[in-house]
Every structure is written in C-alpha cells, then in structure tokens.
N, C-alpha and C. Protein backbone atom coordinates (compact mmCIF):
# COMPACT_ATOMS: atom_id res chain seq x y z
N UNK A 1 -6.98 -5.95 10.52
CA UNK A 1 -6.20 -5.36 9.47
C UNK A 1 -4.71 -5.38 9.80
N UNK A 2 -4.41 -5.34 11.09
CA UNK A 2 -3.00 -5.42 11.46
C UNK A 2 -2.42 -6.77 11.07
N UNK A 3 -3.23 -7.80 11.17
CA UNK A 3 -2.79 -9.14 10.78
C UNK A 3 -2.44 -9.22 9.30
N UNK A 4 -3.26 -8.57 8.48
CA UNK A 4 -2.95 -8.54 7.05
C UNK A 4 -1.64 -7.81 6.78
N UNK A 5 -1.43 -6.69 7.46
CA UNK A 5 -0.21 -5.91 7.25
C UNK A 5 1.02 -6.72 7.66
N UNK A 6 0.94 -7.40 8.79
CA UNK A 6 2.07 -8.20 9.25
C UNK A 6 2.32 -9.38 8.31
N UNK A 7 1.24 -10.02 7.86
CA UNK A 7 1.38 -11.14 6.93
C UNK A 7 2.04 -10.70 5.63
N UNK A 8 1.59 -9.59 5.08
CA UNK A 8 2.18 -9.09 3.84
C UNK A 8 3.64 -8.70 4.03
N UNK A 9 3.98 -8.13 5.19
CA UNK A 9 5.37 -7.77 5.46
C UNK A 9 6.26 -9.01 5.54
N UNK A 10 5.75 -10.06 6.15
CA UNK A 10 6.53 -11.30 6.25
C UNK A 10 6.70 -11.93 4.88
N UNK A 11 5.64 -11.95 4.07
CA UNK A 11 5.74 -12.49 2.72
C UNK A 11 6.72 -11.66 1.89
N UNK A 12 6.69 -10.34 2.06
CA UNK A 12 7.63 -9.47 1.35
C UNK A 12 9.07 -9.76 1.76
N UNK A 13 9.27 -10.00 3.04
CA UNK A 13 10.62 -10.33 3.52
C UNK A 13 11.11 -11.64 2.91
N UNK A 14 10.24 -12.62 2.86
CA UNK A 14 10.62 -13.91 2.26
C UNK A 14 10.89 -13.74 0.76
N UNK A 15 10.05 -12.95 0.08
CA UNK A 15 10.24 -12.71 -1.35
C UNK A 15 11.56 -11.98 -1.60
N UNK A 16 11.91 -11.05 -0.73
CA UNK A 16 13.16 -10.32 -0.90
C UNK A 16 14.36 -11.24 -0.71
N UNK A 17 14.29 -12.15 0.26
CA UNK A 17 15.38 -13.09 0.50
C UNK A 17 15.54 -14.02 -0.70
N UNK A 18 14.42 -14.39 -1.33
CA UNK A 18 14.48 -15.30 -2.47
C UNK A 18 14.82 -14.59 -3.78
N UNK A 19 14.92 -13.27 -3.75
CA UNK A 19 15.35 -12.52 -4.92
C UNK A 19 14.24 -11.89 -5.75
N UNK A 20 13.03 -11.90 -5.27
CA UNK A 20 11.92 -11.29 -5.99
C UNK A 20 11.74 -9.86 -5.49
N UNK A 21 12.62 -8.97 -5.92
CA UNK A 21 12.64 -7.60 -5.41
C UNK A 21 11.41 -6.79 -5.77
N UNK A 22 10.93 -6.93 -7.00
CA UNK A 22 9.76 -6.16 -7.43
C UNK A 22 8.51 -6.53 -6.67
N UNK A 23 8.31 -7.81 -6.51
CA UNK A 23 7.14 -8.29 -5.76
C UNK A 23 7.26 -7.88 -4.30
N UNK A 24 8.46 -7.98 -3.76
CA UNK A 24 8.67 -7.62 -2.35
C UNK A 24 8.39 -6.14 -2.13
N UNK A 25 8.84 -5.30 -3.04
CA UNK A 25 8.59 -3.87 -2.91
C UNK A 25 7.11 -3.54 -2.97
N UNK A 26 6.40 -4.19 -3.88
CA UNK A 26 4.96 -3.95 -4.00
C UNK A 26 4.23 -4.41 -2.74
N UNK A 27 4.61 -5.56 -2.21
CA UNK A 27 3.97 -6.06 -0.99
C UNK A 27 4.24 -5.16 0.20
N UNK A 28 5.44 -4.62 0.28
CA UNK A 28 5.75 -3.70 1.38
C UNK A 28 4.91 -2.44 1.27
N UNK A 29 4.75 -1.92 0.06
CA UNK A 29 3.92 -0.73 -0.12
C UNK A 29 2.47 -1.00 0.29
N UNK A 30 1.94 -2.15 -0.10
CA UNK A 30 0.57 -2.50 0.27
C UNK A 30 0.46 -2.68 1.78
N UNK A 31 1.47 -3.31 2.40
CA UNK A 31 1.45 -3.52 3.84
C UNK A 31 1.47 -2.20 4.59
N UNK A 32 2.24 -1.25 4.10
CA UNK A 32 2.30 0.07 4.76
C UNK A 32 0.96 0.79 4.64
N UNK A 33 0.34 0.71 3.47
CA UNK A 33 -0.96 1.36 3.28
C UNK A 33 -2.00 0.74 4.20
N UNK A 34 -2.04 -0.58 4.28
CA UNK A 34 -3.00 -1.26 5.16
C UNK A 34 -2.74 -0.91 6.62
N UNK A 35 -1.46 -0.85 7.01
CA UNK A 35 -1.12 -0.51 8.39
C UNK A 35 -1.57 0.90 8.74
N UNK A 36 -1.34 1.85 7.85
CA UNK A 36 -1.75 3.23 8.11
C UNK A 36 -3.27 3.34 8.19
N UNK A 37 -3.99 2.65 7.29
CA UNK A 37 -5.45 2.66 7.35
C UNK A 37 -5.96 2.05 8.66
N UNK A 38 -5.34 0.97 9.10
CA UNK A 38 -5.74 0.34 10.36
C UNK A 38 -5.45 1.27 11.54
N UNK A 39 -4.33 1.96 11.48
CA UNK A 39 -3.98 2.89 12.56
C UNK A 39 -4.97 4.05 12.62
N UNK A 40 -5.31 4.61 11.48
CA UNK A 40 -6.28 5.70 11.44
C UNK A 40 -7.65 5.23 11.92
N UNK A 41 -8.06 4.04 11.48
CA UNK A 41 -9.34 3.49 11.93
C UNK A 41 -9.36 3.26 13.44
N UNK A 42 -8.26 2.76 13.97
CA UNK A 42 -8.17 2.52 15.41
C UNK A 42 -8.26 3.83 16.19
N UNK A 43 -7.59 4.86 15.70
CA UNK A 43 -7.65 6.16 16.38
C UNK A 43 -9.05 6.76 16.33
N UNK A 44 -9.72 6.64 15.19
CA UNK A 44 -11.09 7.16 15.07
C UNK A 44 -12.02 6.43 16.03
N UNK A 45 -11.93 5.11 16.07
CA UNK A 45 -12.79 4.34 16.97
C UNK A 45 -12.46 4.62 18.44
N UNK A 46 -11.19 4.85 18.75
CA UNK A 46 -10.81 5.20 20.11
C UNK A 46 -11.45 6.52 20.53
N UNK A 47 -11.36 7.52 19.67
CA UNK A 47 -11.93 8.83 20.00
C UNK A 47 -13.45 8.74 20.12
N UNK A 48 -14.10 8.01 19.21
CA UNK A 48 -15.55 7.87 19.29
C UNK A 48 -15.98 7.12 20.56
N UNK A 49 -15.25 6.10 20.93
CA UNK A 49 -15.55 5.38 22.17
C UNK A 49 -15.32 6.23 23.40
N UNK A 50 -14.28 7.03 23.37
CA UNK A 50 -13.97 7.92 24.49
C UNK A 50 -15.08 8.95 24.67
N UNK A 51 -15.54 9.53 23.54
CA UNK A 51 -16.61 10.51 23.61
C UNK A 51 -17.92 9.87 24.08
N UNK A 52 -18.19 8.64 23.62
CA UNK A 52 -19.41 7.96 24.03
C UNK A 52 -19.38 7.66 25.52
N UNK A 53 -18.24 7.22 26.02
CA UNK A 53 -18.12 6.91 27.45
C UNK A 53 -18.22 8.19 28.28
N UNK A 54 -17.66 9.26 27.77
CA UNK A 54 -17.73 10.54 28.48
C UNK A 54 -19.18 11.03 28.54
N UNK A 55 -19.92 10.90 27.46
CA UNK A 55 -21.32 11.30 27.44
C UNK A 55 -22.18 10.41 28.31
N UNK A 56 -21.87 9.14 28.36
CA UNK A 56 -22.60 8.21 29.20
C UNK A 56 -22.36 8.49 30.68
N UNK A 57 -21.14 8.91 31.00
CA UNK A 57 -20.82 9.24 32.38
C UNK A 57 -21.59 10.44 32.87
N UNK A 58 -21.84 11.39 31.99
CA UNK A 58 -22.61 12.58 32.38
C UNK A 58 -24.07 12.26 32.64
N UNK A 59 -24.60 11.26 31.93
CA UNK A 59 -26.00 10.89 32.10
C UNK A 59 -26.23 10.13 33.40
N UNK A 60 -25.22 9.43 33.86
CA UNK A 60 -25.37 8.65 35.09
C UNK A 60 -25.17 9.58 36.26
C-alpha cells in the first residue's frame, strides 16, 4: 500500500507541474488516505505480531 501512496504522490506532483491542479489535489488526498490506512494496518500487525511472539515465548 505504501507503493500505491508513493506512486499517486508522484503522479500528483507531475500533474501539478503540468497545470492540472484539480486532478493533482484529488490524487494527493487519495495518496494521504492510502498512506494513513497503510500506517494503521502496519501498526496493528506489529502489535499483533509482538503479542504473538510474547505469548510464544512464555510457552517455550
């Protein structure tokens, strides 16, 4: 998902340079939303993995 966010940000930058302000603004908004969702997903998976490893350590 980070790749999508970076790709959309680069396309938005190119669109802004070429003068397509409305499209660039929309792409930036979508890129920010995707980036935040990816960040939240990464944090959730990190916490779940940490808890699983901690529980596994107690069993060993």
